[in-house]
Amino acid sequence: MKRSPMPARKAPMKRTPLRRRAEIAATSERHPARSMLAAQSPKRKAENRVRAAWRIDRCALEGYGSCRGPIDLHEIVRRNGAPSGRTDRRIVIGLCRGHHEIDEDVVEAERVGIRIRSHDWTRCAGNAADEQALIDLAARRRAAVIVNGVTDDRSAT
């Protein structure tokens, strides 16, 4: 079915700049005026306070290549696999910015022990012993990479 064209406007549309940080006007009694969203939710602010208290001064892959840049916190399980990962101290390690770039290559990140697949983590979610076994395996892989420069699954298990 062919549509008819839109009718021409009688007057051009008024062009006004967008107002940022402006209050949203009340539209009715049920919808009172409100302000813009906060930059961070209270939940995220609380998580950031917990993470700020963690002091990690060494890169977990120190000795594997050269470290460069400041140390950042790194979750070895992606946040979609472990929603509480931001505040779960067991799965947070320190990585320099240079070693943090390794995480872009998923296979390499798993090989050197700075990444646990979300699938493996969710499969054993709730079972503390299985979760700890995955964390320990990643730690052994990191240690093997630092000592040998190379790892394979036989030496890391």
Protein backbone atom coordinates (compact mmCIF):
# COMPACT_ATOMS: atom_id res chain seq x y z
CA MET A 1 0.00 0.00 0.00
CA LYS A 2 1.43 3.36 -0.98
CA ARG A 3 1.36 6.01 1.70
CA SER A 4 0.41 9.59 1.03
CA PRO A 5 3.07 12.22 1.77
CA MET A 6 2.96 14.17 5.01
CA PRO A 7 1.22 17.53 4.74
CA ALA A 8 3.43 20.63 4.62
CA ARG A 9 3.89 22.58 7.87
CA LYS A 10 2.28 25.97 8.17
CA ALA A 11 5.23 27.33 10.17
CA PRO A 12 8.75 25.94 10.55
CA MET A 13 9.54 23.97 13.70
CA LYS A 14 10.98 26.02 16.52
CA ARG A 15 14.61 25.06 17.10
CA THR A 16 15.75 25.34 20.68
CA PRO A 17 18.89 23.94 22.29
CA LEU A 18 18.50 20.96 24.57
CA ARG A 19 18.50 21.83 28.23
CA ARG A 20 20.66 19.60 30.31
CA ARG A 21 20.35 19.41 34.06
CA ALA A 22 16.96 21.08 33.82
CA GLU A 23 14.13 19.92 36.00
CA ILE A 24 11.47 17.88 34.28
CA ALA A 25 8.23 19.77 34.63
CA ALA A 26 5.25 18.30 36.39
CA THR A 27 2.73 16.88 33.96
CA SER A 28 0.04 16.04 36.47
CA GLU A 29 -0.53 15.38 40.13
CA ARG A 30 0.49 11.75 39.63
CA HIS A 31 3.72 12.77 37.88
CA PRO A 32 5.38 15.52 39.94
CA ALA A 33 8.45 17.49 38.83
CA ARG A 34 11.69 15.61 39.16
CA SER A 35 15.37 16.23 38.57
CA MET A 36 17.76 14.42 36.28
CA LEU A 37 19.23 11.05 37.29
CA ALA A 38 22.23 11.01 39.57
CA ALA A 39 25.61 10.42 37.95
CA GLN A 40 26.01 7.26 40.07
CA SER A 41 23.45 5.19 41.88
CA PRO A 42 23.81 4.78 45.65
CA LYS A 43 24.51 1.07 45.08
CA ARG A 44 27.41 1.84 42.71
CA LYS A 45 28.79 4.44 45.15
CA ALA A 46 28.81 1.80 47.91
CA GLU A 47 30.59 -0.69 45.61
CA ASN A 48 33.18 1.94 44.73
CA ARG A 49 33.86 2.62 48.42
CA VAL A 50 34.46 -1.11 48.99
CA ARG A 51 36.81 -1.33 46.00
CA ALA A 52 38.69 1.83 47.02
CA ALA A 53 39.53 0.18 50.35
CA TRP A 54 41.34 -2.66 48.56
CA ARG A 55 44.99 -1.82 48.22
CA ILE A 56 46.73 -3.78 45.47
CA ASP A 57 50.24 -2.55 44.77
CA ARG A 58 51.56 -5.36 42.55
CA CYS A 59 50.60 -6.59 39.12
CA ALA A 60 49.49 -10.24 39.22
CA LEU A 61 51.59 -10.88 36.09
CA GLU A 62 54.71 -9.11 37.32
CA GLY A 63 57.61 -10.96 35.74
CA TYR A 64 55.67 -11.88 32.59
CA GLY A 65 56.95 -9.26 30.20
CA SER A 66 57.35 -5.74 31.43
CA CYS A 67 54.75 -3.94 33.51
CA ARG A 68 53.70 -0.46 32.49
CA GLY A 69 51.20 1.98 33.86
CA PRO A 70 49.35 2.10 37.17
CA ILE A 71 47.77 -0.93 38.82
CA ASP A 72 44.02 -1.35 38.21
CA LEU A 73 41.56 -3.77 39.75
CA HIS A 74 40.58 -6.56 37.36
CA GLU A 75 37.76 -9.11 37.78
CA ILE A 76 38.84 -12.53 36.49
CA VAL A 77 35.16 -13.37 35.87
CA ARG A 78 33.22 -10.96 33.66
CA ARG A 79 30.48 -9.02 35.42
CA ASN A 80 27.73 -10.71 33.42
CA GLY A 81 28.93 -14.08 34.76
CA ALA A 82 29.36 -12.94 38.35
CA PRO A 83 27.06 -10.01 39.16
CA SER A 84 28.64 -9.64 42.61
CA GLY A 85 32.10 -9.66 41.02
CA ARG A 86 32.78 -5.98 41.68
CA THR A 87 32.81 -6.63 45.42
CA ASP A 88 33.90 -10.29 45.54
CA ARG A 89 37.50 -10.05 46.73
CA ARG A 90 38.26 -13.63 45.64
CA ILE A 91 37.97 -12.83 41.95
CA VAL A 92 39.65 -9.42 41.88
CA ILE A 93 43.36 -9.14 41.09
CA GLY A 94 45.66 -6.23 40.35
CA LEU A 95 46.94 -5.75 36.79
CA CYS A 96 49.05 -3.02 35.31
CA ARG A 97 47.60 -1.29 32.26
CA GLY A 98 49.96 -3.16 29.94
CA HIS A 99 48.89 -6.59 31.19
CA HIS A 100 45.27 -5.46 31.33
CA GLU A 101 45.39 -5.27 27.53
CA ILE A 102 45.92 -9.05 27.39
CA ASP A 103 42.29 -9.43 28.47
CA GLU A 104 41.15 -8.27 25.02
CA ASP A 105 42.25 -11.66 23.63
CA VAL A 106 39.97 -14.12 25.45
CA VAL A 107 42.03 -17.23 24.67
CA GLU A 108 45.28 -15.62 25.80
CA ALA A 109 43.60 -14.20 28.93
CA GLU A 110 42.38 -17.68 29.93
CA ARG A 111 45.80 -19.17 29.15
CA VAL A 112 47.65 -16.77 31.43
CA GLY A 113 45.03 -16.99 34.20
CA ILE A 114 43.50 -13.52 34.19
CA ARG A 115 40.11 -14.69 32.91
CA ILE A 116 37.66 -17.44 33.90
CA ARG A 117 34.94 -18.09 31.36
CA SER A 118 31.52 -16.90 32.56
CA HIS A 119 30.05 -20.22 31.46
CA ASP A 120 32.34 -22.16 33.80
CA TRP A 121 31.62 -19.77 36.66
CA THR A 122 27.82 -19.85 36.32
CA ARG A 123 27.88 -23.64 36.00
CA CYS A 124 29.32 -23.91 39.51
CA ALA A 125 27.64 -20.81 40.99
CA GLY A 126 26.66 -21.28 44.58
CA ASN A 127 29.08 -24.16 45.13
CA ALA A 128 31.95 -22.52 47.01
CA ALA A 129 34.32 -25.46 46.54
CA ASP A 130 33.92 -25.47 42.74
CA GLU A 131 34.26 -21.69 42.58
CA GLN A 132 37.43 -21.86 44.66
CA ALA A 133 38.81 -24.60 42.40
CA LEU A 134 38.38 -22.31 39.37
CA ILE A 135 40.04 -19.43 41.22
CA ASP A 136 42.94 -21.69 42.26
CA LEU A 137 43.37 -22.96 38.68
CA ALA A 138 43.62 -19.37 37.41
CA ALA A 139 46.19 -18.57 40.13
CA ARG A 140 48.28 -21.63 39.17
CA ARG A 141 48.18 -20.58 35.53
CA ARG A 142 49.40 -17.09 36.47
CA ALA A 143 52.22 -18.60 38.53
CA ALA A 144 53.22 -20.95 35.69
CA VAL A 145 53.27 -18.08 33.20
CA ILE A 146 55.53 -16.04 35.46
CA VAL A 147 57.94 -18.91 36.16
CA ASN A 148 58.04 -20.48 32.69
CA GLY A 149 56.91 -17.65 30.49
CA VAL A 150 54.56 -20.20 28.88
CA THR A 151 51.79 -22.36 30.26
CA ASP A 152 49.93 -25.42 29.17
CA ASP A 153 47.03 -27.11 30.92
CA ARG A 154 49.09 -30.08 32.16
CA SER A 155 51.45 -27.88 34.17
CA ALA A 156 48.64 -25.70 35.53
CA THR A 157 46.41 -28.47 36.88
